[in-house]
Amino acid sequence: VLWLGSFYVMYGDVNPTVAYGYSQGAELDWLNVPRGLLGLSFDQEYGLLPYSPIFVASLLGAWLMARRREMRGYLIGVMLVIGPFLA
């Protein structure tokens, strides 16, 4: 609340993007989400997978857990814990 309040005091709006000159109606275009996720995953300079290939193993492990019925509950628990950090 204090963070948003500081934006209101400095810029007259609680939207954090106002500091970067956002325009009214500027919103997320859902068509760009897949391209953005691919860029965040495979970019040569800032991508996750070139610098942390262990995440490929984690995706493989999640797939294997999803295939086994007795492990699906654990996978759901892991996703409930990790999901908010990825969002």
PDB file of N, CA and C in Angstrom:
ATOM      1  N   VAL A   1       0.828  -1.182   0.000  1.00  0.00           N
ATOM      2  CA  VAL A   1       0.000   0.000   0.000  1.00  0.00           C
ATOM      3  C   VAL A   1       0.876   1.251   0.000  1.00  0.00           C
ATOM      4  N   LEU A   2       1.969   1.214   0.784  1.00  0.00           N
ATOM      5  CA  LEU A   2       2.872   2.368   0.811  1.00  0.00           C
ATOM      6  C   LEU A   2       3.520   2.593  -0.552  1.00  0.00           C
ATOM      7  N   TRP A   3       3.857   1.495  -1.219  1.00  0.00           N
ATOM      8  CA  TRP A   3       4.495   1.598  -2.536  1.00  0.00           C
ATOM      9  C   TRP A   3       3.552   2.281  -3.529  1.00  0.00           C
ATOM     10  N   LEU A   4       2.294   1.833  -3.552  1.00  0.00           N
ATOM     11  CA  LEU A   4       1.324   2.450  -4.454  1.00  0.00           C
ATOM     12  C   LEU A   4       1.027   3.882  -4.039  1.00  0.00           C
ATOM     13  N   GLY A   5       1.018   4.127  -2.732  1.00  0.00           N
ATOM     14  CA  GLY A   5       0.815   5.492  -2.256  1.00  0.00           C
ATOM     15  C   GLY A   5       1.926   6.426  -2.684  1.00  0.00           C
ATOM     16  N   SER A   6       3.154   5.910  -2.720  1.00  0.00           N
ATOM     17  CA  SER A   6       4.265   6.752  -3.178  1.00  0.00           C
ATOM     18  C   SER A   6       4.102   7.124  -4.650  1.00  0.00           C
ATOM     19  N   PHE A   7       3.563   6.223  -5.456  1.00  0.00           N
ATOM     20  CA  PHE A   7       3.307   6.558  -6.853  1.00  0.00           C
ATOM     21  C   PHE A   7       2.225   7.619  -6.965  1.00  0.00           C
ATOM     22  N   TYR A   8       1.228   7.532  -6.089  1.00  0.00           N
ATOM     23  CA  TYR A   8       0.170   8.540  -6.124  1.00  0.00           C
ATOM     24  C   TYR A   8       0.712   9.914  -5.740  1.00  0.00           C
ATOM     25  N   VAL A   9       1.590   9.953  -4.744  1.00  0.00           N
ATOM     26  CA  VAL A   9       2.166  11.230  -4.311  1.00  0.00           C
ATOM     27  C   VAL A   9       3.064  11.805  -5.398  1.00  0.00           C
ATOM     28  N   MET A  10       3.897  10.952  -6.020  1.00  0.00           N
ATOM     29  CA  MET A  10       4.864  11.447  -7.005  1.00  0.00           C
ATOM     30  C   MET A  10       4.236  11.750  -8.363  1.00  0.00           C
ATOM     31  N   TYR A  11       3.315  10.873  -8.805  1.00  0.00           N
ATOM     32  CA  TYR A  11       2.821  10.974 -10.177  1.00  0.00           C
ATOM     33  C   TYR A  11       1.327  11.254 -10.290  1.00  0.00           C
ATOM     34  N   GLY A  12       0.598  11.206  -9.177  1.00  0.00           N
ATOM     35  CA  GLY A  12      -0.832  11.457  -9.221  1.00  0.00           C
ATOM     36  C   GLY A  12      -1.655  10.270  -9.667  1.00  0.00           C
ATOM     37  N   ASP A  13      -1.064   9.085  -9.674  1.00  0.00           N
ATOM     38  CA  ASP A  13      -1.760   7.870 -10.083  1.00  0.00           C
ATOM     39  C   ASP A  13      -1.142   6.706  -9.327  1.00  0.00           C
ATOM     40  N   VAL A  14      -1.941   5.695  -8.989  1.00  0.00           N
ATOM     41  CA  VAL A  14      -1.411   4.541  -8.259  1.00  0.00           C
ATOM     42  C   VAL A  14      -0.863   3.465  -9.191  1.00  0.00           C
ATOM     43  N   ASN A  15      -0.997   3.654 -10.482  1.00  0.00           N
ATOM     44  CA  ASN A  15      -0.493   2.687 -11.449  1.00  0.00           C
ATOM     45  C   ASN A  15       1.030   2.794 -11.525  1.00  0.00           C
ATOM     46  N   PRO A  16       1.779   1.696 -11.214  1.00  0.00           N
ATOM     47  CA  PRO A  16       3.239   1.765 -11.227  1.00  0.00           C
ATOM     48  C   PRO A  16       3.842   2.056 -12.601  1.00  0.00           C
ATOM     49  N   THR A  17       3.106   1.817 -13.674  1.00  0.00           N
ATOM     50  CA  THR A  17       3.660   2.066 -15.003  1.00  0.00           C
ATOM     51  C   THR A  17       3.595   3.527 -15.401  1.00  0.00           C
ATOM     52  N   VAL A  18       2.971   4.363 -14.581  1.00  0.00           N
ATOM     53  CA  VAL A  18       2.868   5.781 -14.924  1.00  0.00           C
ATOM     54  C   VAL A  18       4.252   6.432 -14.984  1.00  0.00           C
ATOM     55  N   ALA A  19       5.210   5.906 -14.255  1.00  0.00           N
ATOM     56  CA  ALA A  19       6.566   6.459 -14.277  1.00  0.00           C
ATOM     57  C   ALA A  19       7.230   6.258 -15.636  1.00  0.00           C
ATOM     58  N   TYR A  20       6.750   5.297 -16.407  1.00  0.00           N
ATOM     59  CA  TYR A  20       7.335   5.000 -17.711  1.00  0.00           C
ATOM     60  C   TYR A  20       6.527   5.589 -18.855  1.00  0.00           C
ATOM     61  N   GLY A  21       5.583   6.441 -18.552  1.00  0.00           N
ATOM     62  CA  GLY A  21       4.817   7.112 -19.593  1.00  0.00           C
ATOM     63  C   GLY A  21       3.784   6.232 -20.251  1.00  0.00           C
ATOM     64  N   TYR A  22       3.028   5.479 -19.469  1.00  0.00           N
ATOM     65  CA  TYR A  22       1.998   4.630 -20.058  1.00  0.00           C
ATOM     66  C   TYR A  22       0.883   5.500 -20.629  1.00  0.00           C
ATOM     67  N   SER A  23       0.217   4.967 -21.608  1.00  0.00           N
ATOM     68  CA  SER A  23      -0.918   5.701 -22.176  1.00  0.00           C
ATOM     69  C   SER A  23      -2.209   5.032 -21.731  1.00  0.00           C
ATOM     70  N   GLN A  24      -3.274   5.779 -21.726  1.00  0.00           N
ATOM     71  CA  GLN A  24      -4.562   5.203 -21.355  1.00  0.00           C
ATOM     72  C   GLN A  24      -4.914   4.129 -22.370  1.00  0.00           C
ATOM     73  N   GLY A  25      -5.359   3.018 -21.888  1.00  0.00           N
ATOM     74  CA  GLY A  25      -5.724   1.918 -22.766  1.00  0.00           C
ATOM     75  C   GLY A  25      -4.567   0.980 -23.057  1.00  0.00           C
ATOM     76  N   ALA A  26      -3.390   1.276 -22.531  1.00  0.00           N
ATOM     77  CA  ALA A  26      -2.262   0.364 -22.717  1.00  0.00           C
ATOM     78  C   ALA A  26      -2.466  -0.816 -21.781  1.00  0.00           C
ATOM     79  N   GLU A  27      -2.637  -1.968 -22.334  1.00  0.00           N
ATOM     80  CA  GLU A  27      -2.904  -3.146 -21.521  1.00  0.00           C
ATOM     81  C   GLU A  27      -2.197  -4.343 -22.126  1.00  0.00           C
ATOM     82  N   LEU A  28      -2.262  -5.434 -21.436  1.00  0.00           N
ATOM     83  CA  LEU A  28      -1.617  -6.656 -21.870  1.00  0.00           C
ATOM     84  C   LEU A  28      -2.324  -7.210 -23.101  1.00  0.00           C
ATOM     85  N   ASP A  29      -1.560  -7.480 -24.131  1.00  0.00           N
ATOM     86  CA  ASP A  29      -2.103  -8.130 -25.313  1.00  0.00           C
ATOM     87  C   ASP A  29      -1.802  -9.619 -25.182  1.00  0.00           C
ATOM     88  N   TRP A  30      -2.819 -10.418 -24.975  1.00  0.00           N
ATOM     89  CA  TRP A  30      -2.637 -11.840 -24.710  1.00  0.00           C
ATOM     90  C   TRP A  30      -1.994 -12.579 -25.879  1.00  0.00           C
ATOM     91  N   LEU A  31      -2.008 -12.011 -27.063  1.00  0.00           N
ATOM     92  CA  LEU A  31      -1.356 -12.655 -28.200  1.00  0.00           C
ATOM     93  C   LEU A  31       0.161 -12.624 -28.070  1.00  0.00           C
ATOM     94  N   ASN A  32       0.690 -11.706 -27.263  1.00  0.00           N
ATOM     95  CA  ASN A  32       2.136 -11.615 -27.081  1.00  0.00           C
ATOM     96  C   ASN A  32       2.661 -12.510 -25.966  1.00  0.00           C
ATOM     97  N   VAL A  33       1.789 -13.118 -25.183  1.00  0.00           N
ATOM     98  CA  VAL A  33       2.231 -13.927 -24.047  1.00  0.00           C
ATOM     99  C   VAL A  33       3.057 -15.137 -24.491  1.00  0.00           C
ATOM    100  N   PRO A  34       2.631 -15.945 -25.481  1.00  0.00           N
ATOM    101  CA  PRO A  34       3.471 -17.080 -25.878  1.00  0.00           C
ATOM    102  C   PRO A  34       4.850 -16.649 -26.385  1.00  0.00           C
ATOM    103  N   ARG A  35       4.903 -15.584 -27.157  1.00  0.00           N
ATOM    104  CA  ARG A  35       6.188 -15.093 -27.655  1.00  0.00           C
ATOM    105  C   ARG A  35       7.062 -14.619 -26.499  1.00  0.00           C
ATOM    106  N   GLY A  36       6.456 -13.958 -25.525  1.00  0.00           N
ATOM    107  CA  GLY A  36       7.204 -13.492 -24.364  1.00  0.00           C
ATOM    108  C   GLY A  36       7.746 -14.638 -23.530  1.00  0.00           C
ATOM    109  N   LEU A  37       6.934 -15.688 -23.348  1.00  0.00           N
ATOM    110  CA  LEU A  37       7.399 -16.844 -22.583  1.00  0.00           C
ATOM    111  C   LEU A  37       8.535 -17.559 -23.298  1.00  0.00           C
ATOM    112  N   LEU A  38       8.444 -17.659 -24.617  1.00  0.00           N
ATOM    113  CA  LEU A  38       9.549 -18.262 -25.368  1.00  0.00           C
ATOM    114  C   LEU A  38      10.812 -17.420 -25.241  1.00  0.00           C
ATOM    115  N   GLY A  39      10.657 -16.109 -25.295  1.00  0.00           N
ATOM    116  CA  GLY A  39      11.810 -15.230 -25.147  1.00  0.00           C
ATOM    117  C   GLY A  39      12.438 -15.340 -23.776  1.00  0.00           C
ATOM    118  N   LEU A  40      11.614 -15.384 -22.728  1.00  0.00           N
ATOM    119  CA  LEU A  40      12.149 -15.519 -21.378  1.00  0.00           C
ATOM    120  C   LEU A  40      12.811 -16.873 -21.162  1.00  0.00           C
ATOM    121  N   SER A  41      12.377 -17.873 -21.902  1.00  0.00           N
ATOM    122  CA  SER A  41      12.946 -19.207 -21.737  1.00  0.00           C
ATOM    123  C   SER A  41      14.229 -19.401 -22.531  1.00  0.00           C
ATOM    124  N   PHE A  42      14.265 -18.947 -23.784  1.00  0.00           N
ATOM    125  CA  PHE A  42      15.353 -19.318 -24.681  1.00  0.00           C
ATOM    126  C   PHE A  42      16.256 -18.175 -25.124  1.00  0.00           C
ATOM    127  N   ASP A  43      16.042 -16.960 -24.654  1.00  0.00           N
ATOM    128  CA  ASP A  43      16.872 -15.833 -25.063  1.00  0.00           C
ATOM    129  C   ASP A  43      18.334 -16.105 -24.722  1.00  0.00           C
ATOM    130  N   GLN A  44      19.246 -15.809 -25.658  1.00  0.00           N
ATOM    131  CA  GLN A  44      20.660 -16.115 -25.451  1.00  0.00           C
ATOM    132  C   GLN A  44      21.296 -15.248 -24.381  1.00  0.00           C
ATOM    133  N   GLU A  45      20.778 -14.054 -24.166  1.00  0.00           N
ATOM    134  CA  GLU A  45      21.392 -13.159 -23.187  1.00  0.00           C
ATOM    135  C   GLU A  45      20.716 -13.238 -21.819  1.00  0.00           C
ATOM    136  N   TYR A  46      19.399 -13.283 -21.781  1.00  0.00           N
ATOM    137  CA  TYR A  46      18.674 -13.240 -20.512  1.00  0.00           C
ATOM    138  C   TYR A  46      17.791 -14.461 -20.275  1.00  0.00           C
ATOM    139  N   GLY A  47      17.844 -15.436 -21.139  1.00  0.00           N
ATOM    140  CA  GLY A  47      16.939 -16.572 -21.038  1.00  0.00           C
ATOM    141  C   GLY A  47      17.229 -17.477 -19.859  1.00  0.00           C
ATOM    142  N   LEU A  48      16.197 -18.123 -19.380  1.00  0.00           N
ATOM    143  CA  LEU A  48      16.318 -19.000 -18.230  1.00  0.00           C
ATOM    144  C   LEU A  48      17.030 -20.302 -18.585  1.00  0.00           C
ATOM    145  N   LEU A  49      16.656 -20.939 -19.678  1.00  0.00           N
ATOM    146  CA  LEU A  49      17.176 -22.265 -19.983  1.00  0.00           C
ATOM    147  C   LEU A  49      18.648 -22.294 -20.397  1.00  0.00           C
ATOM    148  N   PRO A  50      19.174 -21.316 -21.145  1.00  0.00           N
ATOM    149  CA  PRO A  50      20.608 -21.380 -21.453  1.00  0.00           C
ATOM    150  C   PRO A  50      21.503 -21.283 -20.215  1.00  0.00           C
ATOM    151  N   TYR A  51      21.059 -20.588 -19.186  1.00  0.00           N
ATOM    152  CA  TYR A  51      21.885 -20.409 -17.995  1.00  0.00           C
ATOM    153  C   TYR A  51      21.516 -21.356 -16.864  1.00  0.00           C
ATOM    154  N   SER A  52      20.346 -21.934 -16.907  1.00  0.00           N
ATOM    155  CA  SER A  52      19.898 -22.855 -15.860  1.00  0.00           C
ATOM    156  C   SER A  52      19.217 -24.063 -16.498  1.00  0.00           C
ATOM    157  N   PRO A  53      19.996 -24.931 -17.139  1.00  0.00           N
ATOM    158  CA  PRO A  53      19.375 -26.067 -17.830  1.00  0.00           C
ATOM    159  C   PRO A  53      18.720 -27.070 -16.882  1.00  0.00           C
ATOM    160  N   ILE A  54      18.929 -26.927 -15.576  1.00  0.00           N
ATOM    161  CA  ILE A  54      18.274 -27.824 -14.627  1.00  0.00           C
ATOM    162  C   ILE A  54      16.758 -27.701 -14.712  1.00  0.00           C
ATOM    163  N   PHE A  55      16.258 -26.557 -15.192  1.00  0.00           N
ATOM    164  CA  PHE A  55      14.815 -26.388 -15.318  1.00  0.00           C
ATOM    165  C   PHE A  55      14.231 -27.310 -16.381  1.00  0.00           C
ATOM    166  N   VAL A  56      15.031 -27.730 -17.351  1.00  0.00           N
ATOM    167  CA  VAL A  56      14.559 -28.721 -18.323  1.00  0.00           C
ATOM    168  C   VAL A  56      14.303 -30.034 -17.597  1.00  0.00           C
ATOM    169  N   ALA A  57      15.217 -30.388 -16.683  1.00  0.00           N
ATOM    170  CA  ALA A  57      15.035 -31.610 -15.903  1.00  0.00           C
ATOM    171  C   ALA A  57      13.802 -31.506 -15.013  1.00  0.00           C
ATOM    172  N   SER A  58      13.529 -30.321 -14.484  1.00  0.00           N
ATOM    173  CA  SER A  58      12.342 -30.172 -13.634  1.00  0.00           C
ATOM    174  C   SER A  58      11.063 -30.337 -14.457  1.00  0.00           C
ATOM    175  N   LEU A  59      11.061 -29.848 -15.695  1.00  0.00           N
ATOM    176  CA  LEU A  59       9.891 -30.048 -16.557  1.00  0.00           C
ATOM    177  C   LEU A  59       9.705 -31.524 -16.885  1.00  0.00           C
ATOM    178  N   LEU A  60      10.815 -32.219 -17.127  1.00  0.00           N
ATOM    179  CA  LEU A  60      10.749 -33.656 -17.379  1.00  0.00           C
ATOM    180  C   LEU A  60      10.220 -34.382 -16.144  1.00  0.00           C
ATOM    181  N   GLY A  61      10.695 -33.996 -14.968  1.00  0.00           N
ATOM    182  CA  GLY A  61      10.210 -34.606 -13.730  1.00  0.00           C
ATOM    183  C   GLY A  61       8.732 -34.354 -13.500  1.00  0.00           C
ATOM    184  N   ALA A  62       8.273 -33.146 -13.803  1.00  0.00           N
ATOM    185  CA  ALA A  62       6.848 -32.836 -13.651  1.00  0.00           C
ATOM    186  C   ALA A  62       6.012 -33.676 -14.607  1.00  0.00           C
ATOM    187  N   TRP A  63       6.515 -33.862 -15.810  1.00  0.00           N
ATOM    188  CA  TRP A  63       5.792 -34.691 -16.786  1.00  0.00           C
ATOM    189  C   TRP A  63       5.716 -36.137 -16.298  1.00  0.00           C
ATOM    190  N   LEU A  64       6.831 -36.657 -15.752  1.00  0.00           N
ATOM    191  CA  LEU A  64       6.829 -38.024 -15.238  1.00  0.00           C
ATOM    192  C   LEU A  64       5.900 -38.161 -14.032  1.00  0.00           C
ATOM    193  N   MET A  65       5.870 -37.152 -13.173  1.00  0.00           N
ATOM    194  CA  MET A  65       4.956 -37.188 -12.030  1.00  0.00           C
ATOM    195  C   MET A  65       3.502 -37.165 -12.486  1.00  0.00           C
ATOM    196  N   ALA A  66       3.207 -36.422 -13.523  1.00  0.00           N
ATOM    197  CA  ALA A  66       1.836 -36.332 -14.018  1.00  0.00           C
ATOM    198  C   ALA A  66       1.377 -37.656 -14.614  1.00  0.00           C
ATOM    199  N   ARG A  67       2.296 -38.432 -15.129  1.00  0.00           N
ATOM    200  CA  ARG A  67       1.936 -39.714 -15.738  1.00  0.00           C
ATOM    201  C   ARG A  67       1.595 -40.775 -14.696  1.00  0.00           C
ATOM    202  N   ARG A  68       2.210 -40.690 -13.517  1.00  0.00           N
ATOM    203  CA  ARG A  68       1.971 -41.692 -12.473  1.00  0.00           C
ATOM    204  C   ARG A  68       0.847 -41.225 -11.552  1.00  0.00           C
ATOM    205  N   ARG A  69      -0.171 -42.044 -11.440  1.00  0.00           N
ATOM    206  CA  ARG A  69      -1.356 -41.679 -10.668  1.00  0.00           C
ATOM    207  C   ARG A  69      -1.022 -41.391  -9.204  1.00  0.00           C
ATOM    208  N   GLU A  70      -0.153 -42.163  -8.590  1.00  0.00           N
ATOM    209  CA  GLU A  70       0.145 -41.971  -7.170  1.00  0.00           C
ATOM    210  C   GLU A  70       0.995 -40.727  -6.905  1.00  0.00           C
ATOM    211  N   MET A  71       1.581 -40.143  -7.936  1.00  0.00           N
ATOM    212  CA  MET A  71       2.419 -38.953  -7.777  1.00  0.00           C
ATOM    213  C   MET A  71       1.687 -37.654  -8.133  1.00  0.00           C
ATOM    214  N   ARG A  72       0.498 -37.740  -8.683  1.00  0.00           N
ATOM    215  CA  ARG A  72      -0.215 -36.536  -9.126  1.00  0.00           C
ATOM    216  C   ARG A  72      -0.547 -35.596  -7.973  1.00  0.00           C
ATOM    217  N   GLY A  73      -0.860 -36.142  -6.813  1.00  0.00           N
ATOM    218  CA  GLY A  73      -1.139 -35.299  -5.652  1.00  0.00           C
ATOM    219  C   GLY A  73       0.078 -34.482  -5.251  1.00  0.00           C
ATOM    220  N   TYR A  74       1.248 -35.110  -5.291  1.00  0.00           N
ATOM    221  CA  TYR A  74       2.483 -34.385  -4.983  1.00  0.00           C
ATOM    222  C   TYR A  74       2.742 -33.291  -6.013  1.00  0.00           C
ATOM    223  N   LEU A  75       2.484 -33.599  -7.272  1.00  0.00           N
ATOM    224  CA  LEU A  75       2.684 -32.609  -8.327  1.00  0.00           C
ATOM    225  C   LEU A  75       1.750 -31.413  -8.133  1.00  0.00           C
ATOM    226  N   ILE A  76       0.515 -31.675  -7.781  1.00  0.00           N
ATOM    227  CA  ILE A  76      -0.422 -30.569  -7.530  1.00  0.00           C
ATOM    228  C   ILE A  76       0.063 -29.723  -6.362  1.00  0.00           C
ATOM    229  N   GLY A  77       0.559 -30.373  -5.309  1.00  0.00           N
ATOM    230  CA  GLY A  77       1.101 -29.629  -4.175  1.00  0.00           C
ATOM    231  C   GLY A  77       2.295 -28.783  -4.551  1.00  0.00           C
ATOM    232  N   VAL A  78       3.186 -29.344  -5.347  1.00  0.00           N
ATOM    233  CA  VAL A  78       4.364 -28.595  -5.796  1.00  0.00           C
ATOM    234  C   VAL A  78       3.942 -27.408  -6.646  1.00  0.00           C
ATOM    235  N   MET A  79       2.982 -27.608  -7.531  1.00  0.00           N
ATOM    236  CA  MET A  79       2.531 -26.511  -8.389  1.00  0.00           C
ATOM    237  C   MET A  79       1.827 -25.419  -7.583  1.00  0.00           C
ATOM    238  N   LEU A  80       1.118 -25.800  -6.512  1.00  0.00           N
ATOM    239  CA  LEU A  80       0.477 -24.796  -5.664  1.00  0.00           C
ATOM    240  C   LEU A  80       1.508 -23.956  -4.916  1.00  0.00           C
ATOM    241  N   VAL A  81       2.648 -24.563  -4.601  1.00  0.00           N
ATOM    242  CA  VAL A  81       3.704 -23.816  -3.914  1.00  0.00           C
ATOM    243  C   VAL A  81       4.495 -22.963  -4.899  1.00  0.00           C
ATOM    244  N   ILE A  82       4.836 -23.528  -6.055  1.00  0.00           N
ATOM    245  CA  ILE A  82       5.686 -22.836  -7.024  1.00  0.00           C
ATOM    246  C   ILE A  82       4.894 -21.852  -7.881  1.00  0.00           C
ATOM    247  N   GLY A  83       3.637 -22.147  -8.151  1.00  0.00           N
ATOM    248  CA  GLY A  83       2.817 -21.323  -9.037  1.00  0.00           C
ATOM    249  C   GLY A  83       2.814 -19.842  -8.724  1.00  0.00           C
ATOM    250  N   PRO A  84       2.599 -19.443  -7.471  1.00  0.00           N
ATOM    251  CA  PRO A  84       2.608 -17.998  -7.180  1.00  0.00           C
ATOM    252  C   PRO A  84       3.942 -17.319  -7.478  1.00  0.00           C
ATOM    253  N   PHE A  85       5.037 -18.053  -7.379  1.00  0.00           N
ATOM    254  CA  PHE A  85       6.332 -17.460  -7.679  1.00  0.00           C
ATOM    255  C   PHE A  85       6.540 -17.276  -9.175  1.00  0.00           C
ATOM    256  N   LEU A  86       5.874 -18.092  -9.975  1.00  0.00           N
ATOM    257  CA  LEU A  86       6.000 -17.983 -11.427  1.00  0.00           C
ATOM    258  C   LEU A  86       5.030 -16.973 -12.019  1.00  0.00           C
ATOM    259  N   ALA A  87       3.984 -16.662 -11.287  1.00  0.00           N
ATOM    260  CA  ALA A  87       2.970 -15.740 -11.810  1.00  0.00           C
ATOM    261  C   ALA A  87       3.422 -14.302 -11.814  1.00  0.00           C
TER     262      ALA A  87
END
